[in-house]
Amino acid sequence: MAQAESIVFITGGVRSGKSSFAERLTADIWRQSNAGQLHYIAAMQASDAEMKKRILKHQEGRSQSGLEWITWEKPVSIGELADSFQEQDVVLLDCLTTWLNNELFFEKSEWQEEFFLAHLFEEMWNGIRLIAQRARTLVIVSNEVLHEPIASNELVFQYSRLLGKLHQQIVVSASKAFLVESGTPVEMKGVGK
């Protein structure tokens, strides 16, 4: 079983620099362990030209890092990867908001059902928990979308509600949590906090 410091949470606005920070932090954690593999779980799907550019940028960044990232492209059911990780592995999941979006739209007609939303929360949280238990550290990136007024759109409301619930559960269980603003990480939970 992994150490107590098995979840690190990183959030911030869109294009805030959180993914770059997460990659550097994940690599630093991996270097400190001097063992295990370095993994990247990519939840993003290339649905349009902009997404393709973003995916390519992330891939190039990892390639240029000189590190041997093992990349898993998994837009849904990420918890199924848990058995792929070993005790000394360090895993970066980028990103929770994309993963949630994928899960909601995978079952397009069920997002209005409270049972479906409760089941989805449990499935996603259990997947996170299982990966964190298997690996030395799981670093999770997420977008901070909850500062904006919630539209009257019911789907946006349910998405925001579920994301907020996941954020809270993850941060309670995390050893460290960071908010990245304008490329600057601020430690919100961790040593000395």
Protein backbone atom coordinates (compact mmCIF):
# COMPACT_ATOMS: atom_id res chain seq x y z
CA MET A 1 0.00 0.00 0.00
CA ALA A 2 1.18 3.52 -0.80
CA GLN A 3 2.36 6.10 1.71
CA ALA A 4 0.04 8.59 3.44
CA GLU A 5 1.11 11.32 0.98
CA SER A 6 -0.61 9.63 -1.89
CA ILE A 7 -2.88 12.40 -3.25
CA VAL A 8 -1.80 15.86 -4.35
CA PHE A 9 -4.55 18.12 -5.74
CA ILE A 10 -3.87 21.01 -8.14
CA THR A 11 -6.58 23.37 -9.33
CA GLY A 12 -6.77 26.71 -11.09
CA GLY A 13 -8.51 28.56 -13.85
CA VAL A 14 -8.34 27.62 -17.51
CA ARG A 15 -4.85 28.35 -18.93
CA SER A 16 -3.53 29.22 -15.46
CA GLY A 17 -0.38 27.09 -15.81
CA LYS A 18 -1.64 24.28 -13.58
CA SER A 19 -0.77 21.45 -15.99
CA SER A 20 2.82 22.65 -16.43
CA PHE A 21 3.18 23.00 -12.67
CA ALA A 22 1.64 19.56 -12.16
CA GLU A 23 4.07 17.95 -14.60
CA ARG A 24 7.08 19.56 -12.88
CA LEU A 25 5.80 18.64 -9.40
CA THR A 26 5.01 15.05 -10.44
CA ALA A 27 8.49 14.66 -11.96
CA ASP A 28 10.07 16.07 -8.75
CA ILE A 29 8.13 13.63 -6.57
CA TRP A 30 9.18 10.78 -8.85
CA ARG A 31 12.87 11.85 -8.75
CA GLN A 32 12.77 11.92 -4.93
CA SER A 33 11.54 8.34 -4.81
CA ASN A 34 14.39 7.12 -7.05
CA ALA A 35 12.20 4.12 -7.96
CA GLY A 36 9.04 3.18 -9.80
CA GLN A 37 7.60 4.48 -13.05
CA LEU A 38 6.30 7.90 -14.04
CA HIS A 39 2.72 7.75 -15.42
CA TYR A 40 0.42 10.25 -17.13
CA ILE A 41 -3.33 9.59 -17.39
CA ALA A 42 -4.73 11.76 -20.18
CA ALA A 43 -8.50 12.20 -19.98
CA MET A 44 -8.70 14.67 -22.85
CA GLN A 45 -10.14 13.58 -26.20
CA ALA A 46 -9.29 15.26 -29.50
CA SER A 47 -12.82 16.47 -30.29
CA ASP A 48 -11.83 19.57 -32.28
CA ALA A 49 -8.78 21.43 -33.65
CA GLU A 50 -8.22 23.36 -30.39
CA MET A 51 -8.22 20.15 -28.33
CA LYS A 52 -5.82 18.52 -30.80
CA LYS A 53 -3.43 21.48 -30.36
CA ARG A 54 -3.64 21.26 -26.56
CA ILE A 55 -3.03 17.50 -26.58
CA LEU A 56 -0.03 17.94 -28.90
CA LYS A 57 1.39 20.67 -26.64
CA HIS A 58 1.11 18.39 -23.58
CA GLN A 59 2.70 15.48 -25.48
CA GLU A 60 5.58 17.66 -26.69
CA GLY A 61 6.17 18.99 -23.17
CA ARG A 62 6.45 15.50 -21.74
CA SER A 63 8.64 14.38 -24.63
CA GLN A 64 11.01 17.34 -24.18
CA SER A 65 11.27 16.76 -20.42
CA GLY A 66 13.76 13.95 -20.99
CA LEU A 67 11.72 11.71 -18.70
CA GLU A 68 10.10 8.43 -19.66
CA TRP A 69 6.41 9.10 -19.09
CA ILE A 70 4.10 6.14 -19.57
CA THR A 71 0.96 7.68 -21.05
CA TRP A 72 -2.52 6.21 -20.61
CA GLU A 73 -5.22 7.76 -22.80
CA LYS A 74 -8.37 6.99 -20.86
CA PRO A 75 -11.34 9.38 -21.18
CA VAL A 76 -13.75 7.34 -18.98
CA SER A 77 -13.58 4.65 -16.26
CA ILE A 78 -10.11 5.76 -15.19
CA GLY A 79 -10.26 3.62 -12.04
CA GLU A 80 -9.87 0.56 -14.29
CA LEU A 81 -6.19 1.49 -14.58
CA ALA A 82 -5.48 0.97 -10.85
CA ASP A 83 -3.97 -2.50 -11.31
CA SER A 84 -1.48 -1.02 -13.81
CA PHE A 85 0.42 0.82 -11.06
CA GLN A 86 2.97 -0.35 -8.51
CA GLU A 87 3.78 0.88 -5.01
CA GLN A 88 6.62 3.24 -6.04
CA ASP A 89 4.92 4.65 -9.16
CA VAL A 90 3.98 8.31 -9.41
CA VAL A 91 0.84 9.09 -11.44
CA LEU A 92 -0.44 12.36 -12.89
CA LEU A 93 -4.15 12.55 -13.82
CA ASP A 94 -4.91 15.49 -16.12
CA CYS A 95 -7.66 16.43 -15.70
CA LEU A 96 -10.60 15.74 -13.41
CA THR A 97 -12.93 18.26 -15.10
CA THR A 98 -12.38 16.64 -18.50
CA TRP A 99 -12.88 13.18 -17.04
CA LEU A 100 -16.18 14.26 -15.41
CA ASN A 101 -17.29 15.87 -18.66
CA ASN A 102 -16.53 12.65 -20.55
CA GLU A 103 -18.44 10.53 -18.04
CA LEU A 104 -21.51 12.80 -18.13
CA PHE A 105 -21.65 12.86 -21.91
CA PHE A 106 -20.88 9.15 -22.25
CA GLU A 107 -24.36 8.52 -20.80
CA LYS A 108 -26.10 11.53 -22.34
CA SER A 109 -29.62 10.79 -21.24
CA GLU A 110 -28.98 9.84 -17.62
CA TRP A 111 -27.37 13.01 -16.19
CA GLN A 112 -30.78 14.16 -14.91
CA GLU A 113 -31.18 11.07 -12.72
CA GLU A 114 -30.05 11.55 -9.11
CA PHE A 115 -29.19 7.86 -8.88
CA PHE A 116 -26.88 8.17 -11.90
CA LEU A 117 -25.12 11.24 -10.45
CA ALA A 118 -24.63 9.55 -7.05
CA HIS A 119 -23.32 6.40 -8.75
CA LEU A 120 -20.98 8.45 -10.95
CA PHE A 121 -19.57 10.29 -7.93
CA GLU A 122 -18.91 6.97 -6.15
CA GLU A 123 -17.38 5.41 -9.27
CA MET A 124 -15.03 8.34 -9.86
CA TRP A 125 -14.06 8.69 -6.19
CA ASN A 126 -13.43 4.93 -5.90
CA GLY A 127 -11.27 5.06 -9.03
CA ILE A 128 -9.20 7.87 -7.52
CA ARG A 129 -8.93 6.04 -4.21
CA LEU A 130 -7.85 2.78 -5.86
CA ILE A 131 -5.12 4.46 -7.90
CA ALA A 132 -3.91 6.40 -4.84
CA GLN A 133 -3.74 3.16 -2.83
CA ARG A 134 -1.72 1.38 -5.53
CA ALA A 135 0.74 4.17 -6.42
CA ARG A 136 3.19 6.10 -4.27
CA THR A 137 1.57 9.40 -5.27
CA LEU A 138 -1.39 10.43 -7.42
CA VAL A 139 -1.33 14.05 -8.60
CA ILE A 140 -4.75 15.26 -9.78
CA VAL A 141 -5.27 18.37 -11.93
CA SER A 142 -8.67 20.04 -12.10
CA ASN A 143 -10.15 23.30 -13.37
CA GLU A 144 -11.56 25.79 -10.92
CA VAL A 145 -14.87 26.45 -12.63
CA LEU A 146 -16.94 27.03 -9.51
CA HIS A 147 -16.19 30.76 -9.12
CA GLU A 148 -18.37 31.68 -12.08
CA PRO A 149 -22.13 32.18 -11.76
CA ILE A 150 -23.91 28.93 -12.59
CA ALA A 151 -26.09 29.27 -15.63
CA SER A 152 -29.73 28.33 -15.56
CA ASN A 153 -28.79 25.29 -17.67
CA GLU A 154 -29.57 22.18 -15.61
CA LEU A 155 -26.66 20.20 -17.04
CA VAL A 156 -24.17 22.95 -16.09
CA PHE A 157 -25.68 23.05 -12.60
CA GLN A 158 -25.37 19.26 -12.13
CA TYR A 159 -21.83 19.28 -13.54
CA SER A 160 -20.76 22.07 -11.16
CA ARG A 161 -22.42 20.38 -8.20
CA LEU A 162 -20.73 17.04 -8.87
CA LEU A 163 -17.35 18.67 -9.55
CA GLY A 164 -17.56 20.62 -6.30
CA LYS A 165 -18.37 17.45 -4.38
CA LEU A 166 -15.40 15.64 -5.97
CA HIS A 167 -13.08 18.58 -5.22
CA GLN A 168 -14.11 18.57 -1.56
CA GLN A 169 -13.67 14.81 -1.18
CA ILE A 170 -10.27 14.86 -2.88
CA VAL A 171 -8.95 17.79 -0.84
CA VAL A 172 -10.06 16.18 2.43
CA SER A 173 -8.03 13.10 1.48
CA ALA A 174 -5.08 14.95 -0.10
CA SER A 175 -1.80 15.56 1.70
CA LYS A 176 -1.27 18.71 -0.38
CA ALA A 177 -3.50 21.02 -2.42
CA PHE A 178 -2.41 23.87 -4.68
CA LEU A 179 -4.24 26.70 -6.41
CA VAL A 180 -2.42 27.97 -9.52
CA GLU A 181 -3.11 31.53 -10.61
CA SER A 182 -1.27 33.23 -13.48
CA GLY A 183 1.38 30.51 -13.43
CA THR A 184 2.02 30.87 -9.70
CA PRO A 185 1.19 27.92 -7.42
CA VAL A 186 -0.13 28.74 -3.96
CA GLU A 187 -0.07 25.88 -1.45
CA MET A 188 -3.51 25.72 0.15
CA LYS A 189 -3.02 22.51 2.13
CA GLY A 190 0.16 20.76 3.17
CA VAL A 191 3.23 21.27 5.28
CA GLY A 192 2.73 24.22 7.59
CA LYS A 193 -0.87 24.74 6.52
